[in-house]
Amino acid sequence: MNKKIIAGLLTAFLTGFFIYLCKCGLEDNA
């Protein structure tokens, strides 16, 4: 696979995971 593709998938995964944690954290705090 191309390094750019791997980097893109990894970035998208980490971003989505971070947003998921933030949403869960906000719900827990509320």
PDB file of N, CA and C in Angstrom:
ATOM      1  N   MET A   1       0.838  -1.203   0.000  1.00  0.00           N
ATOM      2  CA  MET A   1       0.000   0.000   0.000  1.00  0.00           C
ATOM      3  C   MET A   1       0.873   1.254   0.000  1.00  0.00           C
ATOM      4  N   ASN A   2       0.265   2.348  -0.413  1.00  0.00           N
ATOM      5  CA  ASN A   2       0.988   3.614  -0.449  1.00  0.00           C
ATOM      6  C   ASN A   2       1.071   4.208   0.952  1.00  0.00           C
ATOM      7  N   LYS A   3       2.198   4.818   1.265  1.00  0.00           N
ATOM      8  CA  LYS A   3       2.380   5.399   2.609  1.00  0.00           C
ATOM      9  C   LYS A   3       1.348   6.484   2.885  1.00  0.00           C
ATOM     10  N   LYS A   4       0.977   7.234   1.845  1.00  0.00           N
ATOM     11  CA  LYS A   4      -0.012   8.303   2.035  1.00  0.00           C
ATOM     12  C   LYS A   4      -1.368   7.708   2.411  1.00  0.00           C
ATOM     13  N   ILE A   5      -1.705   6.578   1.810  1.00  0.00           N
ATOM     14  CA  ILE A   5      -2.983   5.924   2.117  1.00  0.00           C
ATOM     15  C   ILE A   5      -2.979   5.451   3.565  1.00  0.00           C
ATOM     16  N   ILE A   6      -1.877   4.828   3.982  1.00  0.00           N
ATOM     17  CA  ILE A   6      -1.770   4.330   5.357  1.00  0.00           C
ATOM     18  C   ILE A   6      -1.850   5.493   6.341  1.00  0.00           C
ATOM     19  N   ALA A   7      -1.146   6.571   6.040  1.00  0.00           N
ATOM     20  CA  ALA A   7      -1.162   7.749   6.919  1.00  0.00           C
ATOM     21  C   ALA A   7      -2.566   8.341   6.997  1.00  0.00           C
ATOM     22  N   GLY A   8      -3.259   8.375   5.888  1.00  0.00           N
ATOM     23  CA  GLY A   8      -4.612   8.922   5.851  1.00  0.00           C
ATOM     24  C   GLY A   8      -5.575   8.090   6.679  1.00  0.00           C
ATOM     25  N   LEU A   9      -5.483   6.760   6.532  1.00  0.00           N
ATOM     26  CA  LEU A   9      -6.360   5.875   7.302  1.00  0.00           C
ATOM     27  C   LEU A   9      -6.061   5.997   8.788  1.00  0.00           C
ATOM     28  N   LEU A  10      -4.789   6.040   9.140  1.00  0.00           N
ATOM     29  CA  LEU A  10      -4.400   6.143  10.547  1.00  0.00           C
ATOM     30  C   LEU A  10      -4.880   7.456  11.143  1.00  0.00           C
ATOM     31  N   THR A  11      -4.732   8.535  10.390  1.00  0.00           N
ATOM     32  CA  THR A  11      -5.177   9.851  10.870  1.00  0.00           C
ATOM     33  C   THR A  11      -6.691   9.870  11.062  1.00  0.00           C
ATOM     34  N   ALA A  12      -7.424   9.315  10.103  1.00  0.00           N
ATOM     35  CA  ALA A  12      -8.886   9.288  10.194  1.00  0.00           C
ATOM     36  C   ALA A  12      -9.326   8.445  11.387  1.00  0.00           C
ATOM     37  N   PHE A  13      -8.650   7.325  11.623  1.00  0.00           N
ATOM     38  CA  PHE A  13      -9.002   6.447  12.736  1.00  0.00           C
ATOM     39  C   PHE A  13      -8.754   7.146  14.076  1.00  0.00           C
ATOM     40  N   LEU A  14      -7.590   7.767  14.220  1.00  0.00           N
ATOM     41  CA  LEU A  14      -7.254   8.449  15.473  1.00  0.00           C
ATOM     42  C   LEU A  14      -8.191   9.629  15.720  1.00  0.00           C
ATOM     43  N   THR A  15      -8.518  10.359  14.645  1.00  0.00           N
ATOM     44  CA  THR A  15      -9.426  11.501  14.790  1.00  0.00           C
ATOM     45  C   THR A  15     -10.805  11.043  15.245  1.00  0.00           C
ATOM     46  N   GLY A  16     -11.328  10.007  14.594  1.00  0.00           N
ATOM     47  CA  GLY A  16     -12.640   9.474  14.957  1.00  0.00           C
ATOM     48  C   GLY A  16     -12.642   8.934  16.382  1.00  0.00           C
ATOM     49  N   PHE A  17     -11.554   8.259  16.768  1.00  0.00           N
ATOM     50  CA  PHE A  17     -11.457   7.691  18.117  1.00  0.00           C
ATOM     51  C   PHE A  17     -11.415   8.811  19.155  1.00  0.00           C
ATOM     52  N   PHE A  18     -10.682   9.892  18.860  1.00  0.00           N
ATOM     53  CA  PHE A  18     -10.574  11.031  19.772  1.00  0.00           C
ATOM     54  C   PHE A  18     -11.933  11.706  19.948  1.00  0.00           C
ATOM     55  N   ILE A  19     -12.664  11.897  18.838  1.00  0.00           N
ATOM     56  CA  ILE A  19     -13.999  12.512  18.895  1.00  0.00           C
ATOM     57  C   ILE A  19     -14.942  11.615  19.700  1.00  0.00           C
ATOM     58  N   TYR A  20     -14.819  10.298  19.512  1.00  0.00           N
ATOM     59  CA  TYR A  20     -15.663   9.349  20.238  1.00  0.00           C
ATOM     60  C   TYR A  20     -15.419   9.477  21.741  1.00  0.00           C
ATOM     61  N   LEU A  21     -14.151   9.572  22.143  1.00  0.00           N
ATOM     62  CA  LEU A  21     -13.814   9.707  23.567  1.00  0.00           C
ATOM     63  C   LEU A  21     -14.345  11.029  24.113  1.00  0.00           C
ATOM     64  N   CYS A  22     -14.231  12.099  23.334  1.00  0.00           N
ATOM     65  CA  CYS A  22     -14.703  13.412  23.779  1.00  0.00           C
ATOM     66  C   CYS A  22     -16.213  13.393  23.994  1.00  0.00           C
ATOM     67  N   LYS A  23     -16.944  12.775  23.064  1.00  0.00           N
ATOM     68  CA  LYS A  23     -18.408  12.712  23.188  1.00  0.00           C
ATOM     69  C   LYS A  23     -18.797  11.913  24.425  1.00  0.00           C
ATOM     70  N   CYS A  24     -18.115  10.814  24.673  1.00  0.00           N
ATOM     71  CA  CYS A  24     -18.422   9.981  25.845  1.00  0.00           C
ATOM     72  C   CYS A  24     -18.095  10.759  27.113  1.00  0.00           C
ATOM     73  N   GLY A  25     -16.985  11.497  27.102  1.00  0.00           N
ATOM     74  CA  GLY A  25     -16.576  12.272  28.270  1.00  0.00           C
ATOM     75  C   GLY A  25     -17.577  13.378  28.575  1.00  0.00           C
ATOM     76  N   LEU A  26     -18.062  14.052  27.529  1.00  0.00           N
ATOM     77  CA  LEU A  26     -19.030  15.127  27.721  1.00  0.00           C
ATOM     78  C   LEU A  26     -20.332  14.563  28.279  1.00  0.00           C
ATOM     79  N   GLU A  27     -20.749  13.399  27.810  1.00  0.00           N
ATOM     80  CA  GLU A  27     -21.987  12.789  28.290  1.00  0.00           C
ATOM     81  C   GLU A  27     -21.836  12.369  29.751  1.00  0.00           C
ATOM     82  N   ASP A  28     -20.665  11.866  30.110  1.00  0.00           N
ATOM     83  CA  ASP A  28     -20.435  11.435  31.491  1.00  0.00           C
ATOM     84  C   ASP A  28     -20.420  12.649  32.426  1.00  0.00           C
ATOM     85  N   ASN A  29     -19.819  13.743  31.982  1.00  0.00           N
ATOM     86  CA  ASN A  29     -19.755  14.944  32.812  1.00  0.00           C
ATOM     87  C   ASN A  29     -21.136  15.573  32.973  1.00  0.00           C
ATOM     88  N   ALA A  30     -21.985  15.448  31.966  1.00  0.00           N
ATOM     89  CA  ALA A  30     -23.318  16.019  32.012  1.00  0.00           C
ATOM     90  C   ALA A  30     -24.201  15.118  32.867  1.00  0.00           C
TER      91      ALA A  30
END
